[in-house]
C-alpha atoms as a PDB file:
ATOM      1  CA  UNK A   1      -9.701 -22.586  24.017  1.00  0.00           C
ATOM      2  CA  UNK A   2      -8.743 -26.216  24.457  1.00  0.00           C
ATOM      3  CA  UNK A   3      -8.644 -25.917  28.247  1.00  0.00           C
ATOM      4  CA  UNK A   4     -12.062 -24.263  28.238  1.00  0.00           C
ATOM      5  CA  UNK A   5     -13.481 -27.025  26.036  1.00  0.00           C
ATOM      6  CA  UNK A   6     -11.946 -29.732  28.218  1.00  0.00           C
ATOM      7  CA  UNK A   7     -13.358 -28.051  31.332  1.00  0.00           C
ATOM      8  CA  UNK A   8     -16.805 -27.879  29.749  1.00  0.00           C
ATOM      9  CA  UNK A   9     -16.808 -24.078  29.830  1.00  0.00           C
ATOM     10  CA  UNK A  10     -18.689 -23.465  26.594  1.00  0.00           C
ATOM     11  CA  UNK A  11     -19.160 -19.724  27.216  1.00  0.00           C
ATOM     12  CA  UNK A  12     -15.428 -19.198  27.757  1.00  0.00           C
ATOM     13  CA  UNK A  13     -14.543 -21.297  24.697  1.00  0.00           C
ATOM     14  CA  UNK A  14     -16.959 -19.292  22.543  1.00  0.00           C
ATOM     15  CA  UNK A  15     -15.627 -15.973  23.860  1.00  0.00           C
ATOM     16  CA  UNK A  16     -12.016 -17.006  23.214  1.00  0.00           C
ATOM     17  CA  UNK A  17     -12.893 -18.282  19.745  1.00  0.00           C
ATOM     18  CA  UNK A  18     -14.551 -14.976  18.826  1.00  0.00           C
ATOM     19  CA  UNK A  19     -11.576 -13.008  20.180  1.00  0.00           C
ATOM     20  CA  UNK A  20      -9.209 -15.159  18.127  1.00  0.00           C
ATOM     21  CA  UNK A  21     -11.303 -14.647  15.002  1.00  0.00           C
ATOM     22  CA  UNK A  22     -11.277 -10.854  15.536  1.00  0.00           C
ATOM     23  CA  UNK A  23      -7.472 -10.897  15.691  1.00  0.00           C
ATOM     24  CA  UNK A  24      -7.149 -13.075  12.598  1.00  0.00           C
ATOM     25  CA  UNK A  25      -9.893 -11.570  10.428  1.00  0.00           C
ATOM     26  CA  UNK A  26      -7.824  -8.811   8.793  1.00  0.00           C
ATOM     27  CA  UNK A  27      -5.053 -11.175   7.752  1.00  0.00           C
ATOM     28  CA  UNK A  28      -7.503 -13.732   6.407  1.00  0.00           C
ATOM     29  CA  UNK A  29      -9.386 -11.127   4.392  1.00  0.00           C
ATOM     30  CA  UNK A  30      -6.133  -9.849   2.851  1.00  0.00           C
ATOM     31  CA  UNK A  31      -5.283 -13.419   1.814  1.00  0.00           C
ATOM     32  CA  UNK A  32      -8.707 -14.145   0.351  1.00  0.00           C
ATOM     33  CA  UNK A  33      -9.259 -10.718  -1.204  1.00  0.00           C
ATOM     34  CA  UNK A  34      -5.936  -8.896  -1.772  1.00  0.00           C
ATOM     35  CA  UNK A  35      -5.736  -5.209  -2.583  1.00  0.00           C
ATOM     36  CA  UNK A  36      -6.146  -4.501  -6.298  1.00  0.00           C
ATOM     37  CA  UNK A  37      -3.198  -3.333  -8.348  1.00  0.00           C
ATOM     38  CA  UNK A  38      -2.916   0.437  -8.764  1.00  0.00           C
ATOM     39  CA  UNK A  39      -4.447   1.842 -11.935  1.00  0.00           C
ATOM     40  CA  UNK A  40      -1.228   3.574 -12.993  1.00  0.00           C
ATOM     41  CA  UNK A  41       0.704   0.347 -13.596  1.00  0.00           C
ATOM     42  CA  UNK A  42       2.672   0.541 -16.853  1.00  0.00           C
ATOM     43  CA  UNK A  43       2.124  -2.480 -19.052  1.00  0.00           C
ATOM     44  CA  UNK A  44       5.085  -4.809 -19.552  1.00  0.00           C
ATOM     45  CA  UNK A  45       5.162  -4.274 -23.323  1.00  0.00           C
ATOM     46  CA  UNK A  46       5.656  -0.519 -22.771  1.00  0.00           C
ATOM     47  CA  UNK A  47       8.835  -1.045 -20.700  1.00  0.00           C
ATOM     48  CA  UNK A  48      11.867  -2.827 -22.096  1.00  0.00           C
ATOM     49  CA  UNK A  49      13.562  -3.264 -18.717  1.00  0.00           C
ATOM     50  CA  UNK A  50      10.486  -4.285 -16.793  1.00  0.00           C
ATOM     51  CA  UNK A  51      10.977  -7.267 -14.556  1.00  0.00           C
END
C-alpha cells in the first residue's frame, strides 16, 4: 500500500486497502461484537466449585 501511495497509484492503493480490509474484517468483528455466551451456562451460585 505504501509503495502504491508513494508511486501515486491511487487505484492500486485502494485495491490493496480493500483486500486488506476483507482479510481483517472477521477478526475485527469478533473483537467488537464477540459471540454471546451459551444459554445453558450454570450460574456461579449454583456451583460450589465453579471457577
